[in-house]
Each structure stands twice: as C-alpha cells, then as structure tokens.
Amino acid sequence: MDPLDPALQSTAVTGVRPLLTLVIFAGLGSFFLGALVTAIRRGMRENGWFKFNQEKEKQD
C-alpha cells in the first residue's frame, strides 16, 4: 500500500531517518509520560488525592 503523500514515499519507508525520528519522539514521549506519572503520584501522596493518604495514616 502506497503512502498518500508523495513526499513520504522516499523517506518514510527506507533509511535511518525514520528510526532516528522514532527514537527522538519516543524519548520525548517517555519523558513527558514520566513527568505526568510522577506528578500524579506526588499529588496522591502529599495532597491526599483519592484518600490513599488518610488510609495509610489510619493503619499507622
């Protein structure tokens, strides 16, 4: 199946450039995903989101 955009025919299928682009975007995506997960975990712990913090205090 041919790509719809003729400009992608020469670059998207072969060569090192698509792999390099994939590595760059995967690195950036993992950074932002990690930052999001870290922010949610910190909010759960410090601000008592979802009441996980209060349950731990009752057990101690």
C-alpha atoms as a PDB file:
ATOM      1  CA  MET A   1       0.000   0.000   0.000  1.00  0.00           C
ATOM      2  CA  ASP A   2       1.466   3.334  -1.060  1.00  0.00           C
ATOM      3  CA  PRO A   3       1.538   6.364   1.220  1.00  0.00           C
ATOM      4  CA  LEU A   4      -1.000   9.036   0.406  1.00  0.00           C
ATOM      5  CA  ASP A   5       1.539  11.860   0.453  1.00  0.00           C
ATOM      6  CA  PRO A   6       4.117  11.606  -2.345  1.00  0.00           C
ATOM      7  CA  ALA A   7       6.712  13.394  -0.176  1.00  0.00           C
ATOM      8  CA  LEU A   8       6.642  10.496   2.290  1.00  0.00           C
ATOM      9  CA  GLN A   9       7.350   7.836  -0.327  1.00  0.00           C
ATOM     10  CA  SER A  10      11.098   8.355  -0.313  1.00  0.00           C
ATOM     11  CA  THR A  11      11.669   8.974   3.409  1.00  0.00           C
ATOM     12  CA  ALA A  12       9.073   7.075   5.437  1.00  0.00           C
ATOM     13  CA  VAL A  13       9.795   3.593   4.157  1.00  0.00           C
ATOM     14  CA  THR A  14      13.575   3.271   3.985  1.00  0.00           C
ATOM     15  CA  GLY A  15      16.650   4.723   5.596  1.00  0.00           C
ATOM     16  CA  VAL A  16      17.891   5.690   9.031  1.00  0.00           C
ATOM     17  CA  ARG A  17      15.905   8.900   9.266  1.00  0.00           C
ATOM     18  CA  PRO A  18      12.563   7.297  10.295  1.00  0.00           C
ATOM     19  CA  LEU A  19      14.312   5.299  13.011  1.00  0.00           C
ATOM     20  CA  LEU A  20      16.064   8.411  14.309  1.00  0.00           C
ATOM     21  CA  THR A  21      12.771  10.290  14.354  1.00  0.00           C
ATOM     22  CA  LEU A  22      11.106   7.407  16.185  1.00  0.00           C
ATOM     23  CA  VAL A  23      13.861   7.361  18.820  1.00  0.00           C
ATOM     24  CA  ILE A  24      13.609  11.123  19.364  1.00  0.00           C
ATOM     25  CA  PHE A  25       9.837  11.099  19.730  1.00  0.00           C
ATOM     26  CA  ALA A  26       9.910   8.014  21.957  1.00  0.00           C
ATOM     27  CA  GLY A  27      12.433   9.724  24.227  1.00  0.00           C
ATOM     28  CA  LEU A  28      10.386  12.898  24.448  1.00  0.00           C
ATOM     29  CA  GLY A  29       7.190  10.951  24.989  1.00  0.00           C
ATOM     30  CA  SER A  30       8.678   8.851  27.764  1.00  0.00           C
ATOM     31  CA  PHE A  31       9.976  11.999  29.475  1.00  0.00           C
ATOM     32  CA  PHE A  32       6.563  13.649  29.495  1.00  0.00           C
ATOM     33  CA  LEU A  33       4.800  10.427  30.486  1.00  0.00           C
ATOM     34  CA  GLY A  34       7.232  10.004  33.377  1.00  0.00           C
ATOM     35  CA  ALA A  35       6.656  13.599  34.477  1.00  0.00           C
ATOM     36  CA  LEU A  36       2.893  13.075  34.400  1.00  0.00           C
ATOM     37  CA  VAL A  37       3.077   9.860  36.433  1.00  0.00           C
ATOM     38  CA  THR A  38       5.431  11.489  38.946  1.00  0.00           C
ATOM     39  CA  ALA A  39       3.112  14.483  39.365  1.00  0.00           C
ATOM     40  CA  ILE A  40       0.089  12.253  39.930  1.00  0.00           C
ATOM     41  CA  ARG A  41       1.920  10.069  42.456  1.00  0.00           C
ATOM     42  CA  ARG A  42       3.203  13.132  44.330  1.00  0.00           C
ATOM     43  CA  GLY A  43      -0.280  14.651  44.355  1.00  0.00           C
ATOM     44  CA  MET A  44      -1.726  11.437  45.727  1.00  0.00           C
ATOM     45  CA  ARG A  45       0.867  11.296  48.491  1.00  0.00           C
ATOM     46  CA  GLU A  46       1.166  14.968  49.506  1.00  0.00           C
ATOM     47  CA  ASN A  47      -2.329  16.321  48.835  1.00  0.00           C
ATOM     48  CA  GLY A  48      -4.317  13.233  49.793  1.00  0.00           C
ATOM     49  CA  TRP A  49      -5.903  12.635  46.397  1.00  0.00           C
ATOM     50  CA  PHE A  50      -8.235   9.625  46.317  1.00  0.00           C
ATOM     51  CA  LYS A  51      -7.903   9.363  50.129  1.00  0.00           C
ATOM     52  CA  PHE A  52      -4.913   6.995  49.944  1.00  0.00           C
ATOM     53  CA  ASN A  53      -3.017   9.195  52.385  1.00  0.00           C
ATOM     54  CA  GLN A  54      -5.743   9.007  55.059  1.00  0.00           C
ATOM     55  CA  GLU A  55      -5.953   5.208  54.807  1.00  0.00           C
ATOM     56  CA  LYS A  56      -2.232   4.905  55.459  1.00  0.00           C
ATOM     57  CA  GLU A  57      -2.473   7.221  58.482  1.00  0.00           C
ATOM     58  CA  LYS A  58      -5.264   5.093  59.997  1.00  0.00           C
ATOM     59  CA  GLN A  59      -3.125   1.951  59.696  1.00  0.00           C
ATOM     60  CA  ASP A  60      -0.103   3.512  61.450  1.00  0.00           C
END
